[in-house]
Amino acid sequence: MFDIAPTELLIVALVALVVIGPKDLPRVMRTVGQWVGRARGMARHFPLRNRHHDPRGRARGDGKEMEGGE
């Protein structure tokens, strides 16, 4: 998805710990987690073109062959 290495994530966590502080970090992480959850929930409602169509424009995903197709 985002191609973030574990070391990069560790650096971001350490910077957040220094900037936000250990006292407020759990509250901030909970808030960020709620935002991410809401964003994922909203993203589920948007149709993805690649999920329902192949590059040639034929519908797929139901596991059935279309009539007159290859």
C-alpha atoms as a PDB file:
ATOM      1  CA  MET A   1       0.000   0.000   0.000  1.00  0.00           C
ATOM      2  CA  PHE A   2       2.378   2.744   1.154  1.00  0.00           C
ATOM      3  CA  ASP A   3       5.732   0.911   1.071  1.00  0.00           C
ATOM      4  CA  ILE A   4       6.918   2.104   4.489  1.00  0.00           C
ATOM      5  CA  ALA A   5       9.882   0.216   5.882  1.00  0.00           C
ATOM      6  CA  PRO A   6       9.850  -0.812   9.562  1.00  0.00           C
ATOM      7  CA  THR A   7      12.855   1.425  10.280  1.00  0.00           C
ATOM      8  CA  GLU A   8      11.025   4.439   8.831  1.00  0.00           C
ATOM      9  CA  LEU A   9       8.016   3.650  10.995  1.00  0.00           C
ATOM     10  CA  LEU A  10      10.274   3.410  14.045  1.00  0.00           C
ATOM     11  CA  ILE A  11      11.805   6.817  13.277  1.00  0.00           C
ATOM     12  CA  VAL A  12       8.348   8.378  12.942  1.00  0.00           C
ATOM     13  CA  ALA A  13       7.307   6.804  16.266  1.00  0.00           C
ATOM     14  CA  LEU A  14      10.406   8.133  18.022  1.00  0.00           C
ATOM     15  CA  VAL A  15       9.899  11.642  16.622  1.00  0.00           C
ATOM     16  CA  ALA A  16       6.249  11.541  17.715  1.00  0.00           C
ATOM     17  CA  LEU A  17       7.334  10.459  21.197  1.00  0.00           C
ATOM     18  CA  VAL A  18       9.756  13.381  21.468  1.00  0.00           C
ATOM     19  CA  VAL A  19       7.433  16.000  19.933  1.00  0.00           C
ATOM     20  CA  ILE A  20       4.135  14.960  21.560  1.00  0.00           C
ATOM     21  CA  GLY A  21       5.524  13.491  24.752  1.00  0.00           C
ATOM     22  CA  PRO A  22       4.824  10.216  26.515  1.00  0.00           C
ATOM     23  CA  LYS A  23       1.873  11.641  28.460  1.00  0.00           C
ATOM     24  CA  ASP A  24      -0.247  12.650  25.441  1.00  0.00           C
ATOM     25  CA  LEU A  25       0.963  10.044  22.949  1.00  0.00           C
ATOM     26  CA  PRO A  26      -1.692   7.374  23.743  1.00  0.00           C
ATOM     27  CA  ARG A  27      -4.519   9.918  23.329  1.00  0.00           C
ATOM     28  CA  VAL A  28      -3.091  11.184  20.041  1.00  0.00           C
ATOM     29  CA  MET A  29      -2.586   7.654  18.685  1.00  0.00           C
ATOM     30  CA  ARG A  30      -6.176   6.746  19.616  1.00  0.00           C
ATOM     31  CA  THR A  31      -7.434   9.833  17.748  1.00  0.00           C
ATOM     32  CA  VAL A  32      -5.289   9.035  14.706  1.00  0.00           C
ATOM     33  CA  GLY A  33      -6.557   5.448  14.767  1.00  0.00           C
ATOM     34  CA  GLN A  34     -10.154   6.678  14.766  1.00  0.00           C
ATOM     35  CA  TRP A  35      -9.448   8.960  11.790  1.00  0.00           C
ATOM     36  CA  VAL A  36      -7.825   6.117   9.863  1.00  0.00           C
ATOM     37  CA  GLY A  37     -10.768   3.845  10.657  1.00  0.00           C
ATOM     38  CA  ARG A  38     -13.240   6.450   9.412  1.00  0.00           C
ATOM     39  CA  ALA A  39     -11.203   7.017   6.245  1.00  0.00           C
ATOM     40  CA  ARG A  40     -11.100   3.266   5.537  1.00  0.00           C
ATOM     41  CA  GLY A  41     -14.837   3.029   6.127  1.00  0.00           C
ATOM     42  CA  MET A  42     -15.497   5.853   3.682  1.00  0.00           C
ATOM     43  CA  ALA A  43     -13.083   4.354   1.147  1.00  0.00           C
ATOM     44  CA  ARG A  44     -15.051   1.096   1.140  1.00  0.00           C
ATOM     45  CA  HIS A  45     -18.025   2.958  -0.295  1.00  0.00           C
ATOM     46  CA  PHE A  46     -16.133   4.195  -3.354  1.00  0.00           C
ATOM     47  CA  PRO A  47     -16.116   1.690  -6.207  1.00  0.00           C
ATOM     48  CA  LEU A  48     -12.761   0.749  -7.611  1.00  0.00           C
ATOM     49  CA  ARG A  49     -12.774   0.422 -11.367  1.00  0.00           C
ATOM     50  CA  ASN A  50     -10.154  -2.333 -11.344  1.00  0.00           C
ATOM     51  CA  ARG A  51     -12.165  -4.372  -8.870  1.00  0.00           C
ATOM     52  CA  HIS A  52     -15.118  -4.758 -11.251  1.00  0.00           C
ATOM     53  CA  HIS A  53     -13.669  -4.472 -14.764  1.00  0.00           C
ATOM     54  CA  ASP A  54     -10.703  -5.869 -16.606  1.00  0.00           C
ATOM     55  CA  PRO A  55      -8.598  -3.634 -18.907  1.00  0.00           C
ATOM     56  CA  ARG A  56     -10.700  -4.658 -21.907  1.00  0.00           C
ATOM     57  CA  GLY A  57     -13.835  -3.302 -20.275  1.00  0.00           C
ATOM     58  CA  ARG A  58     -15.544  -6.609 -19.541  1.00  0.00           C
ATOM     59  CA  ALA A  59     -17.155  -7.146 -16.166  1.00  0.00           C
ATOM     60  CA  ARG A  60     -15.607  -9.708 -13.875  1.00  0.00           C
ATOM     61  CA  GLY A  61     -15.638 -10.729 -10.291  1.00  0.00           C
ATOM     62  CA  ASP A  62     -18.614 -13.052 -10.338  1.00  0.00           C
ATOM     63  CA  GLY A  63     -16.563 -16.014 -11.541  1.00  0.00           C
ATOM     64  CA  LYS A  64     -18.686 -16.588 -14.649  1.00  0.00           C
ATOM     65  CA  GLU A  65     -17.605 -16.323 -18.263  1.00  0.00           C
ATOM     66  CA  MET A  66     -19.410 -13.739 -20.335  1.00  0.00           C
ATOM     67  CA  GLU A  67     -21.230 -14.840 -23.481  1.00  0.00           C
ATOM     68  CA  GLY A  68     -19.402 -14.231 -26.744  1.00  0.00           C
ATOM     69  CA  GLY A  69     -16.126 -13.641 -24.966  1.00  0.00           C
ATOM     70  CA  GLU A  70     -12.788 -15.304 -25.292  1.00  0.00           C
END
